[in-house]
């Protein structure tokens, strides 16, 4: 029961933070920009007399810019560095990489010794549940 509740909590956070809160904050951002900027600048108010017109123009400009920035961040920005740092800091990644290298060098026993602590740890945690 506890595992199921924790799983539902993880699903809730993922759905809320990644999808619903994002969409709500995006809609809120558009409404606030329209109300504070477009309605108070006469030239823009005549160009966008309705929120729907502003939404279409905003999406046509904003979405491609976000896609390009996101692509750049994934390919050349901070994401590759973050992945490298998190991989190096993760003890499981470090041990599995070392074990693979040892296996390539025909050092099977050393690889088993390195990985056995993870199997034993998993077996201990499984027995405690």
N, C-alpha and C. Protein backbone atom coordinates (compact mmCIF):
# COMPACT_ATOMS: atom_id res chain seq x y z
N UNK A 1 0.82 -1.20 0.00
CA UNK A 1 0.00 0.00 0.00
C UNK A 1 0.86 1.26 0.00
N UNK A 2 1.93 1.23 0.83
CA UNK A 2 2.81 2.38 0.91
C UNK A 2 3.49 2.63 -0.44
N UNK A 3 3.97 1.56 -1.08
CA UNK A 3 4.61 1.69 -2.38
C UNK A 3 3.66 2.27 -3.42
N UNK A 4 2.42 1.82 -3.38
CA UNK A 4 1.42 2.32 -4.33
C UNK A 4 1.17 3.82 -4.11
N UNK A 5 1.04 4.23 -2.85
CA UNK A 5 0.83 5.65 -2.56
C UNK A 5 2.02 6.49 -3.00
N UNK A 6 3.21 5.99 -2.74
CA UNK A 6 4.40 6.73 -3.17
C UNK A 6 4.47 6.82 -4.69
N UNK A 7 4.10 5.74 -5.37
CA UNK A 7 4.09 5.75 -6.83
C UNK A 7 3.08 6.77 -7.34
N UNK A 8 1.88 6.80 -6.73
CA UNK A 8 0.87 7.79 -7.13
C UNK A 8 1.36 9.21 -6.88
N UNK A 9 2.09 9.39 -5.79
CA UNK A 9 2.65 10.71 -5.48
C UNK A 9 3.64 11.14 -6.57
N UNK A 10 4.48 10.22 -6.99
CA UNK A 10 5.43 10.52 -8.07
C UNK A 10 4.69 10.84 -9.36
N UNK A 11 3.65 10.05 -9.69
CA UNK A 11 2.87 10.31 -10.90
C UNK A 11 2.18 11.68 -10.83
N UNK A 12 1.63 11.99 -9.65
CA UNK A 12 0.98 13.29 -9.47
C UNK A 12 1.95 14.44 -9.70
N UNK A 13 3.12 14.35 -9.06
CA UNK A 13 4.11 15.43 -9.20
C UNK A 13 4.53 15.59 -10.65
N UNK A 14 4.76 14.49 -11.33
CA UNK A 14 5.18 14.52 -12.74
C UNK A 14 4.08 15.15 -13.61
N UNK A 15 2.85 14.70 -13.44
CA UNK A 15 1.75 15.24 -14.23
C UNK A 15 1.50 16.70 -13.93
N UNK A 16 1.57 17.06 -12.67
CA UNK A 16 1.32 18.45 -12.28
C UNK A 16 2.44 19.36 -12.76
N UNK A 17 3.66 19.04 -12.38
CA UNK A 17 4.78 19.94 -12.67
C UNK A 17 5.13 20.00 -14.15
N UNK A 18 5.10 18.87 -14.81
CA UNK A 18 5.54 18.83 -16.20
C UNK A 18 4.46 19.31 -17.15
N UNK A 19 3.21 19.03 -16.84
CA UNK A 19 2.15 19.32 -17.81
C UNK A 19 1.17 20.38 -17.34
N UNK A 20 0.42 20.10 -16.28
CA UNK A 20 -0.66 21.01 -15.90
C UNK A 20 -0.17 22.37 -15.41
N UNK A 21 0.76 22.38 -14.48
CA UNK A 21 1.26 23.66 -13.98
C UNK A 21 1.95 24.45 -15.10
N UNK A 22 2.62 23.75 -15.99
CA UNK A 22 3.25 24.43 -17.12
C UNK A 22 2.20 25.09 -18.00
N UNK A 23 1.15 24.35 -18.34
CA UNK A 23 0.11 24.92 -19.21
C UNK A 23 -0.62 26.07 -18.54
N UNK A 24 -0.91 25.92 -17.25
CA UNK A 24 -1.58 27.00 -16.53
C UNK A 24 -0.69 28.24 -16.46
N UNK A 25 0.58 28.06 -16.16
CA UNK A 25 1.48 29.22 -16.07
C UNK A 25 1.68 29.86 -17.45
N UNK A 26 1.69 29.05 -18.50
CA UNK A 26 1.83 29.59 -19.86
C UNK A 26 0.60 30.43 -20.22
N UNK A 27 -0.59 29.90 -19.93
CA UNK A 27 -1.82 30.65 -20.20
C UNK A 27 -1.88 31.92 -19.35
N UNK A 28 -1.45 31.83 -18.12
CA UNK A 28 -1.40 32.99 -17.23
C UNK A 28 -0.44 34.04 -17.78
N UNK A 29 0.72 33.62 -18.25
CA UNK A 29 1.71 34.54 -18.82
C UNK A 29 1.12 35.29 -20.02
N UNK A 30 0.43 34.57 -20.90
CA UNK A 30 -0.15 35.19 -22.09
C UNK A 30 -1.24 36.19 -21.69
N UNK A 31 -2.09 35.82 -20.75
CA UNK A 31 -3.17 36.71 -20.32
C UNK A 31 -2.62 37.97 -19.67
N UNK A 32 -1.60 37.82 -18.83
CA UNK A 32 -1.00 38.98 -18.16
C UNK A 32 -0.33 39.89 -19.18
N UNK A 33 0.41 39.33 -20.12
CA UNK A 33 1.06 40.16 -21.14
C UNK A 33 0.03 40.93 -21.95
N UNK A 34 -1.04 40.27 -22.31
CA UNK A 34 -2.09 40.93 -23.08
C UNK A 34 -2.70 42.08 -22.28
N UNK A 35 -3.02 41.78 -21.04
CA UNK A 35 -3.69 42.78 -20.20
C UNK A 35 -2.77 43.96 -19.88
N UNK A 36 -1.54 43.70 -19.53
CA UNK A 36 -0.65 44.77 -19.08
C UNK A 36 0.08 45.49 -20.22
N UNK A 37 0.39 44.77 -21.29
CA UNK A 37 1.16 45.39 -22.37
C UNK A 37 0.27 45.80 -23.53
N UNK A 38 -0.42 44.86 -24.09
CA UNK A 38 -1.18 45.11 -25.32
C UNK A 38 -2.30 46.12 -25.09
N UNK A 39 -3.08 45.94 -24.03
CA UNK A 39 -4.20 46.85 -23.79
C UNK A 39 -3.75 48.26 -23.41
N UNK A 40 -2.53 48.43 -22.92
CA UNK A 40 -2.07 49.75 -22.48
C UNK A 40 -1.20 50.47 -23.51
N UNK A 41 -0.90 49.84 -24.60
CA UNK A 41 -0.13 50.49 -25.67
C UNK A 41 -1.08 50.59 -26.87
N UNK A 42 -1.51 51.82 -27.20
CA UNK A 42 -2.53 51.99 -28.23
C UNK A 42 -2.18 51.35 -29.58
N UNK A 43 -0.92 51.44 -30.01
CA UNK A 43 -0.54 50.85 -31.29
C UNK A 43 -0.70 49.33 -31.26
N UNK A 44 -0.33 48.72 -30.16
CA UNK A 44 -0.47 47.27 -30.03
C UNK A 44 -1.93 46.87 -29.85
N UNK A 45 -2.69 47.71 -29.15
CA UNK A 45 -4.11 47.42 -28.94
C UNK A 45 -4.87 47.43 -30.26
N UNK A 46 -4.49 48.32 -31.17
CA UNK A 46 -5.16 48.33 -32.47
C UNK A 46 -4.69 47.16 -33.34
N UNK A 47 -3.46 46.71 -33.15
CA UNK A 47 -2.94 45.57 -33.91
C UNK A 47 -3.54 44.25 -33.41
N UNK A 48 -3.75 44.15 -32.10
CA UNK A 48 -4.32 42.95 -31.48
C UNK A 48 -5.58 43.31 -30.69
N UNK A 49 -6.71 43.53 -31.38
CA UNK A 49 -7.93 43.94 -30.67
C UNK A 49 -8.52 42.82 -29.79
N UNK A 50 -8.13 41.58 -30.05
CA UNK A 50 -8.64 40.45 -29.27
C UNK A 50 -7.48 39.59 -28.78
N UNK A 51 -7.71 38.94 -27.67
CA UNK A 51 -6.70 38.06 -27.09
C UNK A 51 -6.33 36.93 -28.05
N UNK A 52 -7.29 36.44 -28.80
CA UNK A 52 -7.02 35.33 -29.74
C UNK A 52 -6.01 35.74 -30.80
N UNK A 53 -6.09 36.97 -31.29
CA UNK A 53 -5.12 37.44 -32.29
C UNK A 53 -3.71 37.50 -31.69
N UNK A 54 -3.65 38.02 -30.47
CA UNK A 54 -2.36 38.09 -29.79
C UNK A 54 -1.80 36.69 -29.54
N UNK A 55 -2.67 35.77 -29.14
CA UNK A 55 -2.24 34.39 -28.89
C UNK A 55 -1.62 33.76 -30.13
N UNK A 56 -2.26 33.94 -31.28
CA UNK A 56 -1.73 33.37 -32.52
C UNK A 56 -0.38 33.98 -32.87
N UNK A 57 -0.28 35.31 -32.80
CA UNK A 57 0.98 35.97 -33.12
C UNK A 57 2.07 35.60 -32.11
N UNK A 58 1.70 35.57 -30.85
CA UNK A 58 2.65 35.22 -29.80
C UNK A 58 3.18 33.80 -30.01
N UNK A 59 2.28 32.85 -30.26
CA UNK A 59 2.68 31.45 -30.45
C UNK A 59 3.56 31.31 -31.69
N UNK A 60 3.25 32.05 -32.76
CA UNK A 60 4.04 31.95 -33.99
C UNK A 60 5.47 32.44 -33.78
N UNK A 61 5.67 33.35 -32.86
CA UNK A 61 7.01 33.87 -32.60
C UNK A 61 7.68 33.13 -31.45
N UNK A 62 6.95 32.97 -30.36
CA UNK A 62 7.52 32.44 -29.12
C UNK A 62 7.89 30.96 -29.20
N UNK A 63 7.02 30.14 -29.76
CA UNK A 63 7.27 28.70 -29.80
C UNK A 63 8.52 28.34 -30.62
N UNK A 64 8.71 28.87 -31.83
CA UNK A 64 9.96 28.54 -32.54
C UNK A 64 11.22 29.01 -31.81
N UNK A 65 11.14 30.17 -31.17
CA UNK A 65 12.30 30.66 -30.41
C UNK A 65 12.61 29.70 -29.26
N UNK A 66 11.58 29.24 -28.55
CA UNK A 66 11.78 28.29 -27.45
C UNK A 66 12.36 26.97 -27.95
N UNK A 67 11.89 26.52 -29.10
CA UNK A 67 12.40 25.27 -29.66
C UNK A 67 13.87 25.40 -30.00
N UNK A 68 14.25 26.50 -30.61
CA UNK A 68 15.67 26.71 -30.96
C UNK A 68 16.53 26.80 -29.70
N UNK A 69 16.06 27.54 -28.71
CA UNK A 69 16.82 27.65 -27.46
C UNK A 69 16.93 26.29 -26.78
N UNK A 70 15.84 25.53 -26.73
CA UNK A 70 15.87 24.20 -26.13
C UNK A 70 16.79 23.26 -26.87
N UNK A 71 16.75 23.30 -28.20
CA UNK A 71 17.65 22.47 -29.02
C UNK A 71 19.10 22.83 -28.72
N UNK A 72 19.40 24.12 -28.70
CA UNK A 72 20.77 24.56 -28.43
C UNK A 72 21.21 24.09 -27.04
N UNK A 73 20.33 24.22 -26.04
CA UNK A 73 20.68 23.81 -24.69
C UNK A 73 20.96 22.31 -24.63
N UNK A 74 20.17 21.50 -25.33
CA UNK A 74 20.39 20.05 -25.33
C UNK A 74 21.65 19.66 -26.09
N UNK A 75 21.94 20.35 -27.16
CA UNK A 75 23.07 19.96 -28.01
C UNK A 75 24.39 20.60 -27.59
N UNK A 76 24.36 21.88 -27.22
CA UNK A 76 25.61 22.58 -26.97
C UNK A 76 25.66 23.35 -25.65
N UNK A 77 24.54 23.45 -24.98
CA UNK A 77 24.46 24.24 -23.76
C UNK A 77 24.79 23.45 -22.51
N UNK A 78 23.95 23.62 -21.51
CA UNK A 78 24.22 23.03 -20.20
C UNK A 78 23.86 21.57 -20.06
N UNK A 79 22.97 21.04 -20.88
CA UNK A 79 22.53 19.65 -20.71
C UNK A 79 23.67 18.64 -20.85
N UNK A 80 24.51 18.74 -21.88
CA UNK A 80 25.62 17.77 -21.96
C UNK A 80 26.54 17.82 -20.74
N UNK A 81 26.78 19.01 -20.23
CA UNK A 81 27.64 19.14 -19.04
C UNK A 81 26.94 18.54 -17.83
N UNK A 82 25.64 18.81 -17.66
CA UNK A 82 24.89 18.25 -16.55
C UNK A 82 24.88 16.72 -16.61
N UNK A 83 24.69 16.17 -17.79
CA UNK A 83 24.68 14.71 -17.93
C UNK A 83 26.04 14.12 -17.57
N UNK A 84 27.09 14.76 -18.01
CA UNK A 84 28.44 14.28 -17.70
C UNK A 84 28.69 14.31 -16.20
N UNK A 85 28.37 15.43 -15.57
CA UNK A 85 28.60 15.56 -14.13
C UNK A 85 27.76 14.56 -13.35
N UNK A 86 26.48 14.42 -13.71
CA UNK A 86 25.63 13.48 -12.96
C UNK A 86 26.06 12.03 -13.19
N UNK A 87 26.55 11.72 -14.38
CA UNK A 87 27.03 10.37 -14.64
C UNK A 87 28.28 10.08 -13.82
N UNK A 88 29.19 11.03 -13.77
CA UNK A 88 30.43 10.82 -13.00
C UNK A 88 30.16 10.77 -11.50
N UNK A 89 29.14 11.48 -11.05
CA UNK A 89 28.85 11.51 -9.62
C UNK A 89 28.03 10.31 -9.16
N UNK A 90 27.43 9.60 -10.08
CA UNK A 90 26.56 8.48 -9.73
C UNK A 90 27.41 7.22 -9.52
N UNK A 91 27.38 6.66 -8.32
CA UNK A 91 28.21 5.48 -8.05
C UNK A 91 27.81 4.26 -8.88
N UNK A 92 26.53 4.11 -9.19
CA UNK A 92 26.10 2.98 -10.03
C UNK A 92 26.72 3.09 -11.42
N UNK A 93 26.67 4.27 -12.01
CA UNK A 93 27.27 4.46 -13.33
C UNK A 93 28.77 4.19 -13.31
N UNK A 94 29.41 4.66 -12.26
CA UNK A 94 30.85 4.45 -12.13
C UNK A 94 31.18 2.96 -12.04
N UNK A 95 30.42 2.23 -11.22
CA UNK A 95 30.69 0.80 -11.05
C UNK A 95 30.35 0.01 -12.30
N UNK A 96 29.25 0.31 -12.96
CA UNK A 96 28.89 -0.45 -14.15
C UNK A 96 29.88 -0.19 -15.28
N UNK A 97 30.36 1.03 -15.38
CA UNK A 97 31.36 1.35 -16.40
C UNK A 97 32.66 0.60 -16.12
N UNK A 98 33.09 0.62 -14.88
CA UNK A 98 34.31 -0.09 -14.50
C UNK A 98 34.16 -1.58 -14.75
N UNK A 99 32.99 -2.14 -14.42
CA UNK A 99 32.75 -3.56 -14.64
C UNK A 99 32.79 -3.91 -16.13
N UNK A 100 32.24 -3.06 -16.96
CA UNK A 100 32.29 -3.31 -18.41
C UNK A 100 33.73 -3.28 -18.93
N UNK A 101 34.50 -2.34 -18.43
CA UNK A 101 35.91 -2.28 -18.84
C UNK A 101 36.64 -3.55 -18.40
N UNK A 102 36.40 -3.98 -17.17
CA UNK A 102 37.04 -5.20 -16.67
C UNK A 102 36.61 -6.42 -17.48
N UNK A 103 35.34 -6.49 -17.87
CA UNK A 103 34.88 -7.60 -18.70
C UNK A 103 35.57 -7.60 -20.06
N UNK A 104 35.78 -6.43 -20.61
CA UNK A 104 36.49 -6.35 -21.90
C UNK A 104 37.94 -6.79 -21.77
N UNK A 105 38.48 -6.67 -20.57
CA UNK A 105 39.86 -7.08 -20.31
C UNK A 105 39.92 -8.52 -19.78
N UNK A 106 38.83 -9.25 -19.91
CA UNK A 106 38.74 -10.64 -19.43
C UNK A 106 39.02 -10.76 -17.93
N UNK A 107 38.58 -9.79 -17.16
CA UNK A 107 38.72 -9.82 -15.70
C UNK A 107 37.33 -9.98 -15.08
N UNK A 108 36.70 -11.10 -15.39
CA UNK A 108 35.33 -11.36 -14.99
C UNK A 108 35.14 -11.35 -13.48
N UNK A 109 36.06 -11.97 -12.74
CA UNK A 109 35.93 -12.05 -11.29
C UNK A 109 35.94 -10.67 -10.64
N UNK A 110 36.80 -9.79 -11.12
CA UNK A 110 36.84 -8.43 -10.57
C UNK A 110 35.54 -7.68 -10.88
N UNK A 111 35.01 -7.88 -12.09
CA UNK A 111 33.75 -7.24 -12.45
C UNK A 111 32.61 -7.73 -11.57
N UNK A 112 32.59 -9.02 -11.31
CA UNK A 112 31.55 -9.60 -10.44
C UNK A 112 31.67 -9.04 -9.04
N UNK A 113 32.88 -8.90 -8.57
CA UNK A 113 33.10 -8.38 -7.22
C UNK A 113 32.58 -6.94 -7.12
N UNK A 114 32.83 -6.12 -8.14
CA UNK A 114 32.38 -4.73 -8.12
C UNK A 114 30.85 -4.66 -8.13
N UNK A 115 30.23 -5.47 -8.97
CA UNK A 115 28.77 -5.41 -9.12
C UNK A 115 28.02 -6.17 -8.03
N UNK A 116 28.70 -7.05 -7.32
CA UNK A 116 28.00 -7.86 -6.30
C UNK A 116 27.43 -7.00 -5.18
N UNK A 117 28.08 -5.89 -4.88
CA UNK A 117 27.53 -5.04 -3.80
C UNK A 117 26.16 -4.48 -4.19
N UNK A 118 25.92 -4.26 -5.46
CA UNK A 118 24.62 -3.76 -5.90
C UNK A 118 23.56 -4.85 -5.83
N UNK A 119 23.95 -6.05 -6.17
CA UNK A 119 23.01 -7.17 -6.10
C UNK A 119 22.69 -7.47 -4.64
N UNK A 120 23.70 -7.49 -3.80
CA UNK A 120 23.49 -7.76 -2.39
C UNK A 120 22.64 -6.66 -1.76
N UNK A 121 22.90 -5.44 -2.13
CA UNK A 121 22.12 -4.31 -1.60
C UNK A 121 20.65 -4.45 -2.00
N UNK A 122 20.43 -4.79 -3.26
CA UNK A 122 19.05 -4.97 -3.75
C UNK A 122 18.37 -6.12 -3.02
N UNK A 123 19.11 -7.21 -2.80
CA UNK A 123 18.54 -8.36 -2.09
C UNK A 123 18.20 -7.98 -0.64
N UNK A 124 19.06 -7.20 0.00
CA UNK A 124 18.80 -6.77 1.37
C UNK A 124 17.56 -5.87 1.41
N UNK A 125 17.47 -4.91 0.48
CA UNK A 125 16.32 -4.01 0.47
C UNK A 125 15.04 -4.77 0.16
N UNK A 126 15.11 -5.76 -0.74
CA UNK A 126 13.93 -6.55 -1.07
C UNK A 126 13.46 -7.37 0.13
N UNK A 127 14.40 -7.86 0.93
CA UNK A 127 14.04 -8.67 2.11
C UNK A 127 13.40 -7.80 3.19
N UNK A 128 13.76 -6.52 3.23
CA UNK A 128 13.21 -5.63 4.25
C UNK A 128 11.79 -5.19 3.93
N UNK A 129 11.40 -5.27 2.66
CA UNK A 129 10.05 -4.82 2.27
C UNK A 129 9.08 -5.81 2.70
